[in-house]
Amino acid sequence: MATSRIWHQSTTEIDHIGVYKQSLIERARLILEADVELHVHGLPGGAYRGRAPSAALGNAYLHHRILEPILDNALAAERQGYAAFVIGSFSEPFVREIRAAIDIPVVSLTESALLVGCSLGKYLAPISNAAAVAYMTKMSVEAHGLQARVLDVTAIDPPLDEPALAAGYRNPAPIIAAFTRAAEQAIAAGADVIIPAEGVLAQLLVINGVTTIAGAPVLDVFAAAWCYAQMLMRLWSRTGLRVGRNWHYRRDDVDLIRDLHAPKS
């Protein structure tokens, strides 16, 4: 049986958060079909100069400057024969740019969570780990034109950055309690579906079995993204489905894209 590979791109220095990376790998084995492998990639060590991603990525300049290598990683994934590229972050970097550059399915954690959530309830409530990430998620909601389906994008209190969340894998109860409080407030305001809108937070909830709160589903956002990628891979290979190239993802000069990506001599 031929194996298809999915490139999962984190925006963290993921090798420094081993518990998070390993939990993704183990979860993917349970979620994906037997003929699909998930390969988890992050940013190189030192990308954030010792800062936490949640704080740094709230700045538009740093967002682009720090995450720019992801553009090259996407082209590398296509060149190396990966069947799909998953942007595994609610900061959702370069979705349009990557889809305009490569011809394999490109799946965003934010977009897939929102689209799957729309099939589960009328109103969605993304809850993030910090105000900066919540704001980025709110901008993504607007970019995808789904404001009418999202009640609000909020954050847990107190806010926690990625290192604090990773440390919480050893003692998750306070984080789960904070998330539950925020979710219950959203549900009381009319939310049908709760979306954990930050990767490390979302995975902490999954491995601790938080699947519903007050009767509302808590979306497993990584499972949704990987299954969404798997669906698109099947459609790509079995129906010939492709990205529309006339306007938003226009790609007139494939050779120029490849030339710009070519290794410098």
Protein backbone atom coordinates (compact mmCIF):
# COMPACT_ATOMS: atom_id res chain seq x y z
CA MET A 1 0.00 0.00 0.00
CA ALA A 2 1.41 3.37 -1.06
CA THR A 3 1.74 5.90 1.76
CA SER A 4 0.65 9.52 1.43
CA ARG A 5 2.38 12.11 3.58
CA ILE A 6 0.98 15.28 5.14
CA TRP A 7 3.37 18.09 6.09
CA HIS A 8 2.11 19.61 9.35
CA GLN A 9 3.67 23.05 9.85
CA SER A 10 3.67 24.45 13.38
CA THR A 11 4.59 28.07 14.07
CA THR A 12 6.31 27.12 17.33
CA GLU A 13 9.89 26.00 17.88
CA ILE A 14 8.23 22.65 18.29
CA ASP A 15 11.35 20.59 19.02
CA HIS A 16 11.61 22.63 22.23
CA ILE A 17 8.05 21.60 23.21
CA GLY A 18 8.54 17.86 22.98
CA VAL A 19 5.40 16.91 24.90
CA TYR A 20 3.30 18.89 22.41
CA LYS A 21 5.00 17.47 19.32
CA GLN A 22 4.76 13.90 20.56
CA SER A 23 1.09 14.30 21.42
CA LEU A 24 0.39 15.48 17.86
CA ILE A 25 2.20 12.49 16.38
CA GLU A 26 0.35 10.05 18.62
CA ARG A 27 -3.03 11.68 17.97
CA ALA A 28 -2.49 11.62 14.21
CA ARG A 29 -1.92 7.85 14.30
CA LEU A 30 -5.40 7.47 15.80
CA ILE A 31 -7.12 9.92 13.44
CA LEU A 32 -5.60 9.38 9.99
CA GLU A 33 -6.14 6.43 7.70
CA ALA A 34 -3.49 3.71 7.77
CA ASP A 35 -2.07 4.85 4.42
CA VAL A 36 -1.52 8.46 5.53
CA GLU A 37 1.45 9.70 7.59
CA LEU A 38 1.74 13.02 9.40
CA HIS A 39 5.18 14.63 9.52
CA VAL A 40 5.38 17.43 12.10
CA HIS A 41 7.64 20.42 11.39
CA GLY A 42 8.23 23.61 13.35
CA LEU A 43 10.40 26.69 13.19
CA PRO A 44 14.11 26.41 13.91
CA GLY A 45 15.36 26.97 17.44
CA GLY A 46 15.92 30.65 18.17
CA ALA A 47 13.32 31.87 15.69
CA TYR A 48 11.63 33.89 18.44
CA ARG A 49 14.85 34.96 20.17
CA GLY A 50 13.58 33.56 23.45
CA ARG A 51 10.14 35.13 23.22
CA ALA A 52 6.80 33.31 23.25
CA PRO A 53 4.99 33.07 19.89
CA SER A 54 1.68 34.35 21.27
CA ALA A 55 3.23 37.69 22.18
CA ALA A 56 5.53 38.04 19.17
CA LEU A 57 3.01 37.15 16.47
CA GLY A 58 0.61 39.86 17.57
CA ASN A 59 2.95 42.32 15.87
CA ALA A 60 2.35 42.40 12.10
CA TYR A 61 6.03 42.92 11.20
CA LEU A 62 7.24 40.08 13.42
CA HIS A 63 4.43 37.85 12.18
CA HIS A 64 5.73 38.13 8.62
CA ARG A 65 9.43 38.23 9.40
CA ILE A 66 9.52 35.26 11.78
CA LEU A 67 7.10 33.07 9.84
CA GLU A 68 8.51 33.78 6.37
CA PRO A 69 10.40 30.42 6.23
CA ILE A 70 7.02 28.70 6.09
CA LEU A 71 6.66 29.92 2.49
CA ASP A 72 9.77 27.99 1.47
CA ASN A 73 8.69 25.00 3.55
CA ALA A 74 5.45 24.79 1.60
CA LEU A 75 7.28 24.68 -1.72
CA ALA A 76 9.69 22.14 -0.28
CA ALA A 77 6.75 19.98 0.78
CA GLU A 78 5.36 19.95 -2.74
CA ARG A 79 8.78 19.28 -4.27
CA GLN A 80 9.35 16.38 -1.86
CA GLY A 81 6.08 14.71 -2.82
CA TYR A 82 3.90 15.49 0.17
CA ALA A 83 0.19 15.10 -0.56
CA ALA A 84 -0.99 18.06 1.55
CA PHE A 85 0.32 20.99 3.59
CA VAL A 86 -1.36 21.82 6.91
CA ILE A 87 -0.77 25.21 8.53
CA GLY A 88 -1.13 24.09 12.14
CA SER A 89 -1.61 27.45 13.81
CA PHE A 90 -4.43 29.87 14.50
CA SER A 91 -2.07 32.68 13.46
CA GLU A 92 -2.78 31.25 9.97
CA PRO A 93 0.28 32.59 8.15
CA PHE A 94 0.37 32.97 4.38
CA VAL A 95 -2.68 30.87 3.48
CA ARG A 96 -3.36 32.86 0.33
CA GLU A 97 0.29 33.05 -0.65
CA ILE A 98 0.88 29.32 -0.21
CA ARG A 99 -2.26 28.31 -2.10
CA ALA A 100 -1.18 30.62 -4.90
CA ALA A 101 2.27 28.98 -5.01
CA ILE A 102 1.73 25.22 -4.79
CA ASP A 103 -0.65 22.69 -6.31
CA ILE A 104 -1.32 20.34 -3.39
CA PRO A 105 -4.11 20.87 -0.85
CA VAL A 106 -3.29 23.61 1.67
CA VAL A 107 -5.29 23.39 4.89
CA SER A 108 -5.43 26.03 7.62
CA LEU A 109 -6.16 25.08 11.21
CA THR A 110 -8.39 28.14 11.57
CA GLU A 111 -10.32 27.73 8.33
CA SER A 112 -10.93 23.99 8.73
CA ALA A 113 -12.07 24.45 12.34
CA LEU A 114 -14.53 27.14 11.30
CA LEU A 115 -15.89 25.20 8.33
CA VAL A 116 -16.30 21.96 10.28
CA GLY A 117 -17.81 23.90 13.16
CA CYS A 118 -20.41 25.37 10.81
CA SER A 119 -21.65 21.81 10.20
CA LEU A 120 -22.08 21.23 13.94
CA GLY A 121 -23.94 24.33 15.05
CA LYS A 122 -25.24 27.74 14.06
CA TYR A 123 -22.94 29.87 16.21
CA LEU A 124 -19.28 29.22 16.98
CA ALA A 125 -17.14 30.48 19.86
CA PRO A 126 -13.36 30.36 19.36
CA ILE A 127 -11.52 30.65 22.69
CA SER A 128 -7.79 31.32 22.64
CA ASN A 129 -4.95 31.39 25.13
CA ALA A 130 -4.24 35.13 25.00
CA ALA A 131 -5.69 38.36 23.66
CA ALA A 132 -3.13 38.68 20.83
CA VAL A 133 -3.99 35.24 19.42
CA ALA A 134 -7.71 35.93 19.84
CA TYR A 135 -7.28 39.09 17.79
CA MET A 136 -5.45 37.19 15.02
CA THR A 137 -8.23 34.63 15.00
CA LYS A 138 -10.83 37.38 14.77
CA MET A 139 -9.05 38.75 11.70
CA SER A 140 -9.05 35.26 10.17
CA VAL A 141 -12.79 34.94 10.80
CA GLU A 142 -13.26 38.17 8.85
CA ALA A 143 -10.90 37.03 6.09
CA HIS A 144 -12.98 33.88 5.60
CA GLY A 145 -16.25 35.85 5.63
CA LEU A 146 -17.68 33.94 8.58
CA GLN A 147 -18.46 36.77 10.99
CA ALA A 148 -22.17 35.90 10.94
CA ARG A 149 -21.41 32.41 12.28
CA VAL A 150 -19.03 33.45 15.08
CA LEU A 151 -20.46 35.01 18.24
CA ASP A 152 -17.13 36.34 19.49
CA VAL A 153 -13.47 35.37 19.78
CA THR A 154 -12.30 35.44 23.38
CA ALA A 155 -9.36 34.29 25.50
CA ILE A 156 -8.98 32.43 28.78
CA ASP A 157 -8.32 34.33 31.99
CA PRO A 158 -5.57 34.44 33.07
CA PRO A 159 -3.84 34.39 29.67
CA LEU A 160 -1.05 31.86 29.12
CA ASP A 161 1.75 31.73 26.56
CA GLU A 162 2.99 28.54 24.89
CA PRO A 163 5.68 27.62 27.46
CA ALA A 164 3.14 28.03 30.27
CA LEU A 165 0.64 25.90 28.37
CA ALA A 166 3.27 23.21 27.73
CA ALA A 167 4.11 23.20 31.46
CA GLY A 168 0.40 22.76 32.06
CA TYR A 169 0.51 19.34 30.43
CA ARG A 170 1.86 18.12 33.79
CA ASN A 171 -0.89 19.88 35.74
CA PRO A 172 -3.76 20.60 33.34
CA ALA A 173 -6.57 21.17 35.86
CA PRO A 174 -6.19 24.98 36.21
CA ILE A 175 -6.04 25.47 32.43
CA ILE A 176 -9.06 23.24 31.85
CA ALA A 177 -10.95 25.15 34.54
CA ALA A 178 -10.10 28.50 32.94
CA PHE A 179 -11.15 27.24 29.51
CA THR A 180 -14.37 25.79 30.92
CA ARG A 181 -15.29 29.13 32.50
CA ALA A 182 -14.79 30.94 29.19
CA ALA A 183 -16.73 28.26 27.31
CA GLU A 184 -19.66 28.36 29.72
CA GLN A 185 -19.91 32.13 29.28
CA ALA A 186 -19.92 31.72 25.48
CA ILE A 187 -22.55 28.95 25.64
CA ALA A 188 -24.77 31.10 27.87
CA ALA A 189 -24.50 33.83 25.22
CA GLY A 190 -25.69 31.44 22.49
CA ALA A 191 -22.68 29.46 21.25
CA ASP A 192 -23.40 25.99 19.85
CA VAL A 193 -19.79 24.92 19.23
CA ILE A 194 -16.62 25.72 21.15
CA ILE A 195 -13.35 25.99 19.21
CA PRO A 196 -10.06 25.96 21.17
CA ALA A 197 -8.25 28.61 19.14
CA GLU A 198 -4.59 27.88 19.91
CA GLY A 199 -2.70 24.72 19.12
CA VAL A 200 -0.98 23.87 22.40
CA LEU A 201 -4.17 24.67 24.32
CA ALA A 202 -6.30 22.62 21.94
CA GLN A 203 -4.07 19.59 22.23
CA LEU A 204 -3.99 19.81 26.03
CA LEU A 205 -7.80 19.62 26.03
CA VAL A 206 -7.80 16.64 23.66
CA ILE A 207 -5.39 14.51 25.64
CA ASN A 208 -7.40 15.22 28.80
CA GLY A 209 -10.67 14.14 27.21
CA VAL A 210 -12.42 17.52 27.08
CA THR A 211 -14.89 16.87 24.25
CA THR A 212 -18.01 18.65 25.55
CA ILE A 213 -18.76 21.49 27.95
CA ALA A 214 -22.30 22.14 29.17
CA GLY A 215 -23.66 20.06 26.27
CA ALA A 216 -21.70 21.92 23.57
CA PRO A 217 -19.07 20.08 21.50
CA VAL A 218 -15.46 21.15 21.93
CA LEU A 219 -13.90 20.72 18.51
CA ASP A 220 -10.72 18.66 18.14
CA VAL A 221 -9.19 21.21 15.79
CA PHE A 222 -6.18 19.13 14.74
CA ALA A 223 -8.32 16.11 13.93
CA ALA A 224 -10.59 18.39 11.90
CA ALA A 225 -7.66 19.85 9.97
CA TRP A 226 -6.02 16.50 9.26
CA CYS A 227 -9.30 14.91 8.17
CA TYR A 228 -10.02 17.96 6.03
CA ALA A 229 -6.62 17.54 4.39
CA GLN A 230 -7.29 13.84 3.89
CA MET A 231 -10.64 14.62 2.23
CA LEU A 232 -9.03 17.13 -0.14
CA MET A 233 -6.26 14.65 -0.97
CA ARG A 234 -8.90 12.11 -1.99
CA LEU A 235 -10.76 14.69 -4.09
CA TRP A 236 -7.47 15.81 -5.68
CA SER A 237 -6.57 12.28 -6.75
CA ARG A 238 -10.02 10.87 -7.55
CA THR A 239 -11.87 13.80 -9.14
CA GLY A 240 -9.13 16.13 -10.35
CA LEU A 241 -10.35 18.96 -8.10
CA ARG A 242 -7.98 21.92 -7.93
CA VAL A 243 -7.76 25.47 -6.57
CA GLY A 244 -9.37 28.21 -8.66
CA ARG A 245 -6.62 30.17 -10.41
CA ASN A 246 -8.46 33.10 -12.00
CA TRP A 247 -8.45 35.56 -9.13
CA HIS A 248 -7.70 35.03 -5.42
CA TYR A 249 -5.16 32.24 -5.94
CA ARG A 250 -3.96 33.35 -9.37
CA ARG A 251 -0.78 31.62 -10.53
CA ASP A 252 0.26 32.65 -14.05
CA ASP A 253 3.99 32.01 -13.91
CA VAL A 254 4.81 28.72 -12.19
CA ASP A 255 8.40 28.83 -13.45
CA LEU A 256 9.04 32.17 -11.73
CA ILE A 257 7.76 30.74 -8.44
CA ARG A 258 10.13 27.79 -8.81
CA ASP A 259 13.03 30.04 -9.80
CA LEU A 260 12.57 32.19 -6.72
CA HIS A 261 12.49 29.09 -4.55
CA ALA A 262 15.52 27.49 -6.18
CA PRO A 263 18.52 27.06 -3.84
CA LYS A 264 21.10 29.81 -4.22
CA SER A 265 24.37 28.64 -5.76
